């Protein structure tokens, strides 16, 4: 069980063969690593599942393999399941999740973690290929590929590729292969976003090694939870919820709890969302799913109508 989706395993993976399972998407949401928040966003799980299934199918047409098998129901996705090995991987490994999260960045929006890392001195502009401090919302050409840990208490960014290689056990060739895969996925999402008039700021993805040691896409990608989009001034992603909480005392209390390394049971409880925001975000996820997939999965206003009629009331 995860913060947002659950995994049911029907066939366990072995060292030599992938297993099978089902992702069941929920209406839960999570921000700031807290885990399950107190409210539900109706329809969110179905919207994420349908968007991600669409992306995997379209990427498959381009020869980009993934763990996706088929859509069982609107909120259930059948997938290949591999082993989780948190350390000791190498270029000879196979049939396992890669213990990395790969982030592709086309813009550095106001909520980007890059600015926080720069301001704290954790990285320098040169670590990202910049001559000076980067500008907010300036298009990056080429995009930045960033890496963070997976399976740690909190995701931790790497400063450079040497740290990525040390953590993963992979050599330059395998890391370059992962970066190329991320650029392909990012290019696909960019193209679809441009067709809809959306601005694609950034996103994240995960990869696994199949039974032959070849890369395949894993988990979920190209949704409003994994990627950040903007459309006509609307934060078309989970960023809308992050921004709401960022202005609360709870966000400050959470930062202190993390800095003090308090156990999770001592973290402060988050406030509930206002009902009008819950309803708007629910409709936003549904409308975005309709437009992204090109199918009317939900009986809901268009994004244009939501922005014109409801967004200003928040």
C-alpha atoms as a PDB file:
ATOM      1  CA  UNK A   1       0.000   0.000   0.000  1.00  0.00           C
ATOM      2  CA  UNK A   2       1.368   3.398  -0.981  1.00  0.00           C
ATOM      3  CA  UNK A   3       0.277   6.937  -0.287  1.00  0.00           C
ATOM      4  CA  UNK A   4      -1.759   7.103  -3.496  1.00  0.00           C
ATOM      5  CA  UNK A   5      -2.026   3.630  -5.009  1.00  0.00           C
ATOM      6  CA  UNK A   6      -1.985   0.034  -3.792  1.00  0.00           C
ATOM      7  CA  UNK A   7      -0.169  -2.959  -5.298  1.00  0.00           C
ATOM      8  CA  UNK A   8      -1.752  -6.401  -5.435  1.00  0.00           C
ATOM      9  CA  UNK A   9       0.727  -9.124  -6.432  1.00  0.00           C
ATOM     10  CA  UNK A  10      -0.770 -12.169  -8.170  1.00  0.00           C
ATOM     11  CA  UNK A  11       2.539 -13.753  -9.184  1.00  0.00           C
ATOM     12  CA  UNK A  12       5.768 -13.120  -7.286  1.00  0.00           C
ATOM     13  CA  UNK A  13       8.860 -12.260  -9.351  1.00  0.00           C
ATOM     14  CA  UNK A  14      11.852 -14.577  -9.242  1.00  0.00           C
ATOM     15  CA  UNK A  15      15.491 -13.929 -10.020  1.00  0.00           C
ATOM     16  CA  UNK A  16      14.880 -14.971 -13.614  1.00  0.00           C
ATOM     17  CA  UNK A  17      11.312 -13.956 -14.401  1.00  0.00           C
ATOM     18  CA  UNK A  18       9.008 -10.992 -13.846  1.00  0.00           C
ATOM     19  CA  UNK A  19       5.898 -11.515 -11.784  1.00  0.00           C
ATOM     20  CA  UNK A  20       2.492  -9.901 -12.281  1.00  0.00           C
ATOM     21  CA  UNK A  21       0.380  -7.587 -10.216  1.00  0.00           C
ATOM     22  CA  UNK A  22      -2.178  -4.807 -10.286  1.00  0.00           C
ATOM     23  CA  UNK A  23      -1.866  -1.143  -9.351  1.00  0.00           C
ATOM     24  CA  UNK A  24      -5.136   0.026  -7.803  1.00  0.00           C
ATOM     25  CA  UNK A  25      -5.331   3.813  -7.896  1.00  0.00           C
ATOM     26  CA  UNK A  26      -7.061   5.592  -5.017  1.00  0.00           C
ATOM     27  CA  UNK A  27      -8.459   9.073  -4.455  1.00  0.00           C
ATOM     28  CA  UNK A  28      -5.838   9.675  -1.768  1.00  0.00           C
ATOM     29  CA  UNK A  29      -3.143  12.316  -2.139  1.00  0.00           C
ATOM     30  CA  UNK A  30       0.115  13.157  -0.416  1.00  0.00           C
ATOM     31  CA  UNK A  31       2.268  16.283  -0.101  1.00  0.00           C
ATOM     32  CA  UNK A  32       5.604  17.022   1.608  1.00  0.00           C
ATOM     33  CA  UNK A  33       6.309  13.304   2.227  1.00  0.00           C
ATOM     34  CA  UNK A  34       3.568  13.207   4.868  1.00  0.00           C
ATOM     35  CA  UNK A  35       1.775  10.192   3.442  1.00  0.00           C
ATOM     36  CA  UNK A  36      -2.002   9.915   3.213  1.00  0.00           C
ATOM     37  CA  UNK A  37      -3.664  13.281   3.802  1.00  0.00           C
ATOM     38  CA  UNK A  38      -7.044  13.669   5.546  1.00  0.00           C
ATOM     39  CA  UNK A  39      -9.201  14.342   2.457  1.00  0.00           C
ATOM     40  CA  UNK A  40     -10.031  12.393  -0.702  1.00  0.00           C
ATOM     41  CA  UNK A  41     -10.140  13.875  -4.213  1.00  0.00           C
ATOM     42  CA  UNK A  42     -13.065  12.122  -5.919  1.00  0.00           C
ATOM     43  CA  UNK A  43     -12.162  10.691  -9.336  1.00  0.00           C
ATOM     44  CA  UNK A  44      -8.464  11.409  -8.965  1.00  0.00           C
ATOM     45  CA  UNK A  45      -7.434   7.747  -8.944  1.00  0.00           C
ATOM     46  CA  UNK A  46      -9.313   6.925 -12.125  1.00  0.00           C
ATOM     47  CA  UNK A  47      -7.942  10.016 -13.859  1.00  0.00           C
ATOM     48  CA  UNK A  48      -4.348   9.127 -12.981  1.00  0.00           C
ATOM     49  CA  UNK A  49      -4.788   5.506 -14.038  1.00  0.00           C
ATOM     50  CA  UNK A  50      -6.371   6.402 -17.382  1.00  0.00           C
ATOM     51  CA  UNK A  51      -3.763   9.058 -18.177  1.00  0.00           C
ATOM     52  CA  UNK A  52      -0.861   6.774 -17.320  1.00  0.00           C
ATOM     53  CA  UNK A  53      -2.297   3.856 -19.309  1.00  0.00           C
ATOM     54  CA  UNK A  54      -2.694   6.167 -22.310  1.00  0.00           C
ATOM     55  CA  UNK A  55       0.953   7.233 -21.968  1.00  0.00           C
ATOM     56  CA  UNK A  56       2.282   3.686 -21.726  1.00  0.00           C
ATOM     57  CA  UNK A  57       0.284   2.644 -24.798  1.00  0.00           C
ATOM     58  CA  UNK A  58       1.508   5.613 -26.838  1.00  0.00           C
ATOM     59  CA  UNK A  59       5.114   5.098 -25.735  1.00  0.00           C
ATOM     60  CA  UNK A  60       4.870   1.416 -26.664  1.00  0.00           C
ATOM     61  CA  UNK A  61       3.965   2.481 -30.208  1.00  0.00           C
ATOM     62  CA  UNK A  62       7.290   4.340 -30.251  1.00  0.00           C
ATOM     63  CA  UNK A  63       9.180   1.234 -29.186  1.00  0.00           C
ATOM     64  CA  UNK A  64       9.630   2.330 -25.568  1.00  0.00           C
ATOM     65  CA  UNK A  65       8.891  -0.658 -23.345  1.00  0.00           C
ATOM     66  CA  UNK A  66       7.296  -0.507 -19.906  1.00  0.00           C
ATOM     67  CA  UNK A  67       5.894  -2.755 -17.196  1.00  0.00           C
ATOM     68  CA  UNK A  68       2.344  -1.968 -18.374  1.00  0.00           C
ATOM     69  CA  UNK A  69       0.302  -4.992 -19.480  1.00  0.00           C
ATOM     70  CA  UNK A  70      -3.286  -3.803 -19.725  1.00  0.00           C
ATOM     71  CA  UNK A  71      -5.997  -1.687 -18.149  1.00  0.00           C
ATOM     72  CA  UNK A  72      -8.279  -3.953 -16.110  1.00  0.00           C
ATOM     73  CA  UNK A  73     -10.682  -1.274 -14.915  1.00  0.00           C
ATOM     74  CA  UNK A  74     -10.700   2.510 -14.895  1.00  0.00           C
ATOM     75  CA  UNK A  75      -8.687   2.506 -11.667  1.00  0.00           C
ATOM     76  CA  UNK A  76      -6.807  -0.803 -12.023  1.00  0.00           C
ATOM     77  CA  UNK A  77      -3.703  -1.379 -14.153  1.00  0.00           C
ATOM     78  CA  UNK A  78      -2.142  -4.805 -14.689  1.00  0.00           C
ATOM     79  CA  UNK A  79       1.651  -4.632 -14.641  1.00  0.00           C
ATOM     80  CA  UNK A  80       4.823  -6.688 -14.617  1.00  0.00           C
ATOM     81  CA  UNK A  81       6.362  -6.908 -11.162  1.00  0.00           C
ATOM     82  CA  UNK A  82      10.113  -7.096 -10.537  1.00  0.00           C
ATOM     83  CA  UNK A  83      12.292  -7.409  -7.452  1.00  0.00           C
ATOM     84  CA  UNK A  84      13.190  -4.457  -5.246  1.00  0.00           C
ATOM     85  CA  UNK A  85      16.895  -4.376  -4.399  1.00  0.00           C
ATOM     86  CA  UNK A  86      17.933  -1.244  -2.522  1.00  0.00           C
ATOM     87  CA  UNK A  87      21.682  -1.772  -2.833  1.00  0.00           C
ATOM     88  CA  UNK A  88      24.231  -3.940  -4.572  1.00  0.00           C
ATOM     89  CA  UNK A  89      22.990  -3.442  -8.116  1.00  0.00           C
ATOM     90  CA  UNK A  90      25.437  -3.525 -11.002  1.00  0.00           C
ATOM     91  CA  UNK A  91      25.595  -3.484 -14.762  1.00  0.00           C
ATOM     92  CA  UNK A  92      24.976  -7.233 -14.681  1.00  0.00           C
ATOM     93  CA  UNK A  93      21.766  -6.962 -12.632  1.00  0.00           C
ATOM     94  CA  UNK A  94      18.382  -7.898 -14.083  1.00  0.00           C
ATOM     95  CA  UNK A  95      14.700  -8.249 -13.169  1.00  0.00           C
ATOM     96  CA  UNK A  96      14.753  -5.459 -10.583  1.00  0.00           C
ATOM     97  CA  UNK A  97      13.649  -1.891  -9.922  1.00  0.00           C
ATOM     98  CA  UNK A  98      16.397   0.654 -10.423  1.00  0.00           C
ATOM     99  CA  UNK A  99      16.776   2.448  -7.054  1.00  0.00           C
ATOM    100  CA  UNK A 100      16.641   5.901  -8.634  1.00  0.00           C
ATOM    101  CA  UNK A 101      14.005   8.504  -9.362  1.00  0.00           C
ATOM    102  CA  UNK A 102      14.680  10.342 -12.615  1.00  0.00           C
ATOM    103  CA  UNK A 103      13.506  13.941 -12.938  1.00  0.00           C
ATOM    104  CA  UNK A 104      13.291  15.813 -16.248  1.00  0.00           C
ATOM    105  CA  UNK A 105      13.103  19.606 -16.061  1.00  0.00           C
ATOM    106  CA  UNK A 106      12.041  21.877 -18.937  1.00  0.00           C
ATOM    107  CA  UNK A 107      11.544  24.963 -16.768  1.00  0.00           C
ATOM    108  CA  UNK A 108      12.458  25.863 -13.214  1.00  0.00           C
ATOM    109  CA  UNK A 109       9.086  26.967 -11.864  1.00  0.00           C
ATOM    110  CA  UNK A 110       8.634  28.873  -8.645  1.00  0.00           C
ATOM    111  CA  UNK A 111       8.087  25.639  -6.712  1.00  0.00           C
ATOM    112  CA  UNK A 112      11.138  23.846  -8.088  1.00  0.00           C
ATOM    113  CA  UNK A 113      13.354  22.114  -5.546  1.00  0.00           C
ATOM    114  CA  UNK A 114      16.357  23.286  -7.563  1.00  0.00           C
ATOM    115  CA  UNK A 115      16.037  26.798  -6.131  1.00  0.00           C
ATOM    116  CA  UNK A 116      15.837  25.477  -2.564  1.00  0.00           C
ATOM    117  CA  UNK A 117      18.933  23.364  -3.118  1.00  0.00           C
ATOM    118  CA  UNK A 118      20.798  26.313  -4.621  1.00  0.00           C
ATOM    119  CA  UNK A 119      19.745  28.643  -1.803  1.00  0.00           C
ATOM    120  CA  UNK A 120      20.873  26.133   0.841  1.00  0.00           C
ATOM    121  CA  UNK A 121      24.242  25.701  -0.875  1.00  0.00           C
ATOM    122  CA  UNK A 122      23.624  22.005  -1.541  1.00  0.00           C
ATOM    123  CA  UNK A 123      24.524  22.522  -5.207  1.00  0.00           C
ATOM    124  CA  UNK A 124      26.107  25.237  -7.319  1.00  0.00           C
ATOM    125  CA  UNK A 125      24.737  26.529 -10.649  1.00  0.00           C
ATOM    126  CA  UNK A 126      27.668  24.828 -12.382  1.00  0.00           C
ATOM    127  CA  UNK A 127      26.475  21.433 -11.108  1.00  0.00           C
ATOM    128  CA  UNK A 128      23.449  21.882 -13.379  1.00  0.00           C
ATOM    129  CA  UNK A 129      25.398  23.287 -16.301  1.00  0.00           C
ATOM    130  CA  UNK A 130      24.548  26.962 -15.582  1.00  0.00           C
ATOM    131  CA  UNK A 131      27.013  29.852 -15.661  1.00  0.00           C
ATOM    132  CA  UNK A 132      25.000  31.765 -13.062  1.00  0.00           C
ATOM    133  CA  UNK A 133      21.904  31.489 -10.876  1.00  0.00           C
ATOM    134  CA  UNK A 134      19.056  30.341 -13.182  1.00  0.00           C
ATOM    135  CA  UNK A 135      15.944  32.359 -13.920  1.00  0.00           C
ATOM    136  CA  UNK A 136      12.450  31.357 -12.856  1.00  0.00           C
ATOM    137  CA  UNK A 137      10.309  30.039 -15.739  1.00  0.00           C
ATOM    138  CA  UNK A 138      13.047  30.301 -18.347  1.00  0.00           C
ATOM    139  CA  UNK A 139      12.884  27.404 -20.808  1.00  0.00           C
ATOM    140  CA  UNK A 140      15.813  25.034 -20.483  1.00  0.00           C
ATOM    141  CA  UNK A 141      17.351  23.881 -23.740  1.00  0.00           C
ATOM    142  CA  UNK A 142      18.371  21.121 -23.418  1.00  0.00           C
ATOM    143  CA  UNK A 143      16.247  19.950 -20.480  1.00  0.00           C
ATOM    144  CA  UNK A 144      17.958  19.024 -17.222  1.00  0.00           C
ATOM    145  CA  UNK A 145      17.976  15.384 -16.129  1.00  0.00           C
ATOM    146  CA  UNK A 146      18.196  15.142 -12.339  1.00  0.00           C
ATOM    147  CA  UNK A 147      18.410  12.099 -10.070  1.00  0.00           C
ATOM    148  CA  UNK A 148      17.257  11.328  -6.542  1.00  0.00           C
ATOM    149  CA  UNK A 149      17.213   8.272  -4.315  1.00  0.00           C
ATOM    150  CA  UNK A 150      14.405   5.778  -4.049  1.00  0.00           C
ATOM    151  CA  UNK A 151      13.468   3.625  -1.059  1.00  0.00           C
ATOM    152  CA  UNK A 152      15.003   5.944   1.524  1.00  0.00           C
ATOM    153  CA  UNK A 153      12.992   7.663   4.276  1.00  0.00           C
ATOM    154  CA  UNK A 154      13.081  10.886   2.252  1.00  0.00           C
ATOM    155  CA  UNK A 155      14.097  11.198  -1.378  1.00  0.00           C
ATOM    156  CA  UNK A 156      17.600  12.664  -1.526  1.00  0.00           C
ATOM    157  CA  UNK A 157      18.984  14.452  -4.575  1.00  0.00           C
ATOM    158  CA  UNK A 158      22.425  13.649  -5.905  1.00  0.00           C
ATOM    159  CA  UNK A 159      24.851  16.462  -6.581  1.00  0.00           C
ATOM    160  CA  UNK A 160      26.499  14.876  -9.605  1.00  0.00           C
ATOM    161  CA  UNK A 161      26.593  11.744 -11.736  1.00  0.00           C
ATOM    162  CA  UNK A 162      29.479  10.241  -9.782  1.00  0.00           C
ATOM    163  CA  UNK A 163      27.171  10.048  -6.760  1.00  0.00           C
ATOM    164  CA  UNK A 164      24.445   8.503  -8.941  1.00  0.00           C
ATOM    165  CA  UNK A 165      26.844   5.821 -10.171  1.00  0.00           C
ATOM    166  CA  UNK A 166      28.120   5.059  -6.674  1.00  0.00           C
ATOM    167  CA  UNK A 167      24.566   4.685  -5.358  1.00  0.00           C
ATOM    168  CA  UNK A 168      23.174   2.619  -8.237  1.00  0.00           C
ATOM    169  CA  UNK A 169      26.230   0.520  -9.070  1.00  0.00           C
ATOM    170  CA  UNK A 170      25.796   1.408 -12.735  1.00  0.00           C
ATOM    171  CA  UNK A 171      28.528   2.569 -15.095  1.00  0.00           C
ATOM    172  CA  UNK A 172      28.535   5.581 -17.440  1.00  0.00           C
ATOM    173  CA  UNK A 173      26.948   3.588 -20.258  1.00  0.00           C
ATOM    174  CA  UNK A 174      23.941   2.485 -18.194  1.00  0.00           C
ATOM    175  CA  UNK A 175      23.438   5.956 -16.681  1.00  0.00           C
ATOM    176  CA  UNK A 176      23.585   7.492 -20.167  1.00  0.00           C
ATOM    177  CA  UNK A 177      20.982   4.944 -21.288  1.00  0.00           C
ATOM    178  CA  UNK A 178      18.686   5.960 -18.423  1.00  0.00           C
ATOM    179  CA  UNK A 179      19.144   9.648 -19.263  1.00  0.00           C
ATOM    180  CA  UNK A 180      18.332   8.997 -22.915  1.00  0.00           C
ATOM    181  CA  UNK A 181      15.175   7.137 -21.886  1.00  0.00           C
ATOM    182  CA  UNK A 182      14.138  10.089 -19.714  1.00  0.00           C
ATOM    183  CA  UNK A 183      14.681  12.503 -22.608  1.00  0.00           C
ATOM    184  CA  UNK A 184      12.515  10.323 -24.875  1.00  0.00           C
ATOM    185  CA  UNK A 185       9.701  10.241 -22.318  1.00  0.00           C
ATOM    186  CA  UNK A 186      10.018  13.965 -21.695  1.00  0.00           C
ATOM    187  CA  UNK A 187       9.905  14.633 -25.430  1.00  0.00           C
ATOM    188  CA  UNK A 188       6.701  12.618 -25.778  1.00  0.00           C
ATOM    189  CA  UNK A 189       5.031  14.460 -22.881  1.00  0.00           C
ATOM    190  CA  UNK A 190       6.220  17.828 -24.206  1.00  0.00           C
ATOM    191  CA  UNK A 191       4.693  17.116 -27.608  1.00  0.00           C
ATOM    192  CA  UNK A 192       1.333  16.073 -26.174  1.00  0.00           C
ATOM    193  CA  UNK A 193       1.277  19.079 -23.842  1.00  0.00           C
ATOM    194  CA  UNK A 194       2.038  21.455 -26.699  1.00  0.00           C
ATOM    195  CA  UNK A 195      -0.834  19.981 -28.733  1.00  0.00           C
ATOM    196  CA  UNK A 196      -3.180  20.930 -25.874  1.00  0.00           C
ATOM    197  CA  UNK A 197      -1.642  24.333 -25.191  1.00  0.00           C
ATOM    198  CA  UNK A 198      -0.248  23.184 -21.837  1.00  0.00           C
ATOM    199  CA  UNK A 199       3.155  24.158 -20.498  1.00  0.00           C
ATOM    200  CA  UNK A 200       5.148  21.163 -19.236  1.00  0.00           C
ATOM    201  CA  UNK A 201       7.485  22.302 -16.477  1.00  0.00           C
ATOM    202  CA  UNK A 202       8.930  19.059 -15.179  1.00  0.00           C
ATOM    203  CA  UNK A 203       8.158  15.494 -14.205  1.00  0.00           C
ATOM    204  CA  UNK A 204       9.545  12.277 -12.805  1.00  0.00           C
ATOM    205  CA  UNK A 205       9.762   8.643 -13.803  1.00  0.00           C
ATOM    206  CA  UNK A 206      11.155   5.329 -12.665  1.00  0.00           C
ATOM    207  CA  UNK A 207      12.726   2.473 -14.580  1.00  0.00           C
ATOM    208  CA  UNK A 208      13.311  -1.220 -14.006  1.00  0.00           C
ATOM    209  CA  UNK A 209      15.531  -3.878 -15.530  1.00  0.00           C
ATOM    210  CA  UNK A 210      13.637  -6.720 -17.169  1.00  0.00           C
ATOM    211  CA  UNK A 211      14.631 -10.389 -17.139  1.00  0.00           C
ATOM    212  CA  UNK A 212      17.266  -9.658 -19.805  1.00  0.00           C
ATOM    213  CA  UNK A 213      18.712  -6.653 -18.004  1.00  0.00           C
ATOM    214  CA  UNK A 214      17.113  -4.204 -20.461  1.00  0.00           C
ATOM    215  CA  UNK A 215      15.499  -0.980 -19.272  1.00  0.00           C
ATOM    216  CA  UNK A 216      11.736  -0.663 -19.111  1.00  0.00           C
ATOM    217  CA  UNK A 217       9.570   2.146 -17.761  1.00  0.00           C
ATOM    218  CA  UNK A 218       7.963   1.447 -14.394  1.00  0.00           C
ATOM    219  CA  UNK A 219       5.546   2.886 -11.848  1.00  0.00           C
ATOM    220  CA  UNK A 220       3.488   5.787 -13.341  1.00  0.00           C
ATOM    221  CA  UNK A 221       4.397   8.777 -15.496  1.00  0.00           C
ATOM    222  CA  UNK A 222       2.944  11.763 -17.319  1.00  0.00           C
ATOM    223  CA  UNK A 223       0.068  12.471 -14.906  1.00  0.00           C
ATOM    224  CA  UNK A 224      -0.874  15.466 -12.758  1.00  0.00           C
ATOM    225  CA  UNK A 225       0.821  13.792  -9.782  1.00  0.00           C
ATOM    226  CA  UNK A 226       4.113  12.910 -11.472  1.00  0.00           C
ATOM    227  CA  UNK A 227       4.435  15.972 -13.726  1.00  0.00           C
ATOM    228  CA  UNK A 228       3.759  19.675 -13.394  1.00  0.00           C
ATOM    229  CA  UNK A 229       1.814  21.459 -16.103  1.00  0.00           C
ATOM    230  CA  UNK A 230       0.397  24.960 -16.397  1.00  0.00           C
ATOM    231  CA  UNK A 231      -2.520  26.158 -18.497  1.00  0.00           C
ATOM    232  CA  UNK A 232      -3.775  29.736 -18.719  1.00  0.00           C
ATOM    233  CA  UNK A 233      -2.391  30.576 -15.276  1.00  0.00           C
ATOM    234  CA  UNK A 234      -3.691  27.384 -13.649  1.00  0.00           C
ATOM    235  CA  UNK A 235      -1.228  25.115 -11.826  1.00  0.00           C
ATOM    236  CA  UNK A 236      -2.394  22.009 -13.635  1.00  0.00           C
ATOM    237  CA  UNK A 237      -0.933  19.444 -11.246  1.00  0.00           C
ATOM    238  CA  UNK A 238      -0.699  18.411  -7.614  1.00  0.00           C
ATOM    239  CA  UNK A 239       1.300  21.621  -7.214  1.00  0.00           C
ATOM    240  CA  UNK A 240      -2.018  23.364  -6.596  1.00  0.00           C
ATOM    241  CA  UNK A 241      -2.406  21.391  -3.362  1.00  0.00           C
ATOM    242  CA  UNK A 242       1.228  21.909  -2.397  1.00  0.00           C
ATOM    243  CA  UNK A 243       0.810  25.663  -2.825  1.00  0.00           C
ATOM    244  CA  UNK A 244      -2.262  25.680  -0.598  1.00  0.00           C
ATOM    245  CA  UNK A 245      -0.426  23.933   2.205  1.00  0.00           C
ATOM    246  CA  UNK A 246       2.781  25.906   1.710  1.00  0.00           C
ATOM    247  CA  UNK A 247       0.979  28.974   3.067  1.00  0.00           C
ATOM    248  CA  UNK A 248      -0.088  27.213   6.281  1.00  0.00           C
ATOM    249  CA  UNK A 249       1.590  26.934   9.671  1.00  0.00           C
ATOM    250  CA  UNK A 250       1.502  23.176   9.187  1.00  0.00           C
ATOM    251  CA  UNK A 251       4.100  23.388   6.385  1.00  0.00           C
ATOM    252  CA  UNK A 252       6.498  25.197   8.713  1.00  0.00           C
ATOM    253  CA  UNK A 253       5.859  22.665  11.466  1.00  0.00           C
ATOM    254  CA  UNK A 254       6.538  19.841   9.006  1.00  0.00           C
ATOM    255  CA  UNK A 255       9.882  21.351   8.031  1.00  0.00           C
ATOM    256  CA  UNK A 256      10.876  21.579  11.678  1.00  0.00           C
ATOM    257  CA  UNK A 257       9.811  17.978  12.270  1.00  0.00           C
ATOM    258  CA  UNK A 258      11.957  16.803   9.367  1.00  0.00           C
ATOM    259  CA  UNK A 259      14.933  18.935  10.403  1.00  0.00           C
ATOM    260  CA  UNK A 260      14.718  17.476  13.909  1.00  0.00           C
ATOM    261  CA  UNK A 261      14.313  13.969  12.442  1.00  0.00           C
ATOM    262  CA  UNK A 262      11.212  13.322  14.521  1.00  0.00           C
ATOM    263  CA  UNK A 263       9.513   9.921  14.089  1.00  0.00           C
ATOM    264  CA  UNK A 264       6.496  10.053  11.813  1.00  0.00           C
ATOM    265  CA  UNK A 265       4.041   9.500  14.667  1.00  0.00           C
ATOM    266  CA  UNK A 266       5.191  12.847  16.092  1.00  0.00           C
ATOM    267  CA  UNK A 267       4.662  14.800  12.874  1.00  0.00           C
ATOM    268  CA  UNK A 268       1.971  17.490  13.054  1.00  0.00           C
ATOM    269  CA  UNK A 269      -1.454  16.578  11.673  1.00  0.00           C
ATOM    270  CA  UNK A 270      -2.356  18.501   8.491  1.00  0.00           C
ATOM    271  CA  UNK A 271      -5.465  20.692   8.249  1.00  0.00           C
ATOM    272  CA  UNK A 272      -8.287  19.650   5.960  1.00  0.00           C
ATOM    273  CA  UNK A 273      -8.803  21.263   2.570  1.00  0.00           C
ATOM    274  CA  UNK A 274     -11.720  23.663   1.999  1.00  0.00           C
ATOM    275  CA  UNK A 275     -14.591  21.942   0.215  1.00  0.00           C
ATOM    276  CA  UNK A 276     -14.557  24.273  -2.787  1.00  0.00           C
ATOM    277  CA  UNK A 277     -10.869  23.464  -3.397  1.00  0.00           C
ATOM    278  CA  UNK A 278     -11.523  19.710  -3.137  1.00  0.00           C
ATOM    279  CA  UNK A 279     -14.325  19.977  -5.705  1.00  0.00           C
ATOM    280  CA  UNK A 280     -12.297  22.122  -8.067  1.00  0.00           C
ATOM    281  CA  UNK A 281      -9.230  19.867  -7.944  1.00  0.00           C
ATOM    282  CA  UNK A 282     -11.448  16.829  -8.513  1.00  0.00           C
ATOM    283  CA  UNK A 283     -12.907  18.423 -11.650  1.00  0.00           C
ATOM    284  CA  UNK A 284      -9.437  19.567 -12.728  1.00  0.00           C
ATOM    285  CA  UNK A 285      -8.034  16.014 -12.645  1.00  0.00           C
ATOM    286  CA  UNK A 286     -11.044  14.684 -14.557  1.00  0.00           C
ATOM    287  CA  UNK A 287     -11.006  17.422 -17.211  1.00  0.00           C
ATOM    288  CA  UNK A 288      -7.253  17.050 -17.684  1.00  0.00           C
ATOM    289  CA  UNK A 289      -7.679  13.297 -18.171  1.00  0.00           C
ATOM    290  CA  UNK A 290     -10.387  13.861 -20.808  1.00  0.00           C
ATOM    291  CA  UNK A 291      -8.247  16.288 -22.752  1.00  0.00           C
ATOM    292  CA  UNK A 292      -4.958  14.385 -22.432  1.00  0.00           C
ATOM    293  CA  UNK A 293      -6.415  11.083 -23.613  1.00  0.00           C
ATOM    294  CA  UNK A 294      -8.780  12.614 -26.162  1.00  0.00           C
ATOM    295  CA  UNK A 295     -11.699  10.641 -24.701  1.00  0.00           C
ATOM    296  CA  UNK A 296     -14.677  11.701 -22.575  1.00  0.00           C
ATOM    297  CA  UNK A 297     -14.046   9.496 -19.577  1.00  0.00           C
ATOM    298  CA  UNK A 298     -15.773  11.923 -17.196  1.00  0.00           C
ATOM    299  CA  UNK A 299     -18.889  14.094 -17.451  1.00  0.00           C
ATOM    300  CA  UNK A 300     -17.221  17.326 -16.381  1.00  0.00           C
ATOM    301  CA  UNK A 301     -16.589  20.863 -17.603  1.00  0.00           C
ATOM    302  CA  UNK A 302     -13.631  21.498 -19.890  1.00  0.00           C
ATOM    303  CA  UNK A 303     -10.501  23.071 -18.463  1.00  0.00           C
ATOM    304  CA  UNK A 304     -11.385  26.324 -20.212  1.00  0.00           C
ATOM    305  CA  UNK A 305     -14.807  26.340 -18.561  1.00  0.00           C
ATOM    306  CA  UNK A 306     -13.347  25.485 -15.155  1.00  0.00           C
ATOM    307  CA  UNK A 307     -10.869  28.331 -15.402  1.00  0.00           C
ATOM    308  CA  UNK A 308     -13.476  30.812 -16.618  1.00  0.00           C
ATOM    309  CA  UNK A 309     -16.301  29.836 -14.269  1.00  0.00           C
ATOM    310  CA  UNK A 310     -14.806  28.240 -11.134  1.00  0.00           C
ATOM    311  CA  UNK A 311     -11.097  29.018 -10.732  1.00  0.00           C
ATOM    312  CA  UNK A 312     -11.653  32.675  -9.869  1.00  0.00           C
ATOM    313  CA  UNK A 313     -13.948  31.647  -7.005  1.00  0.00           C
ATOM    314  CA  UNK A 314     -11.181  29.812  -5.104  1.00  0.00           C
END
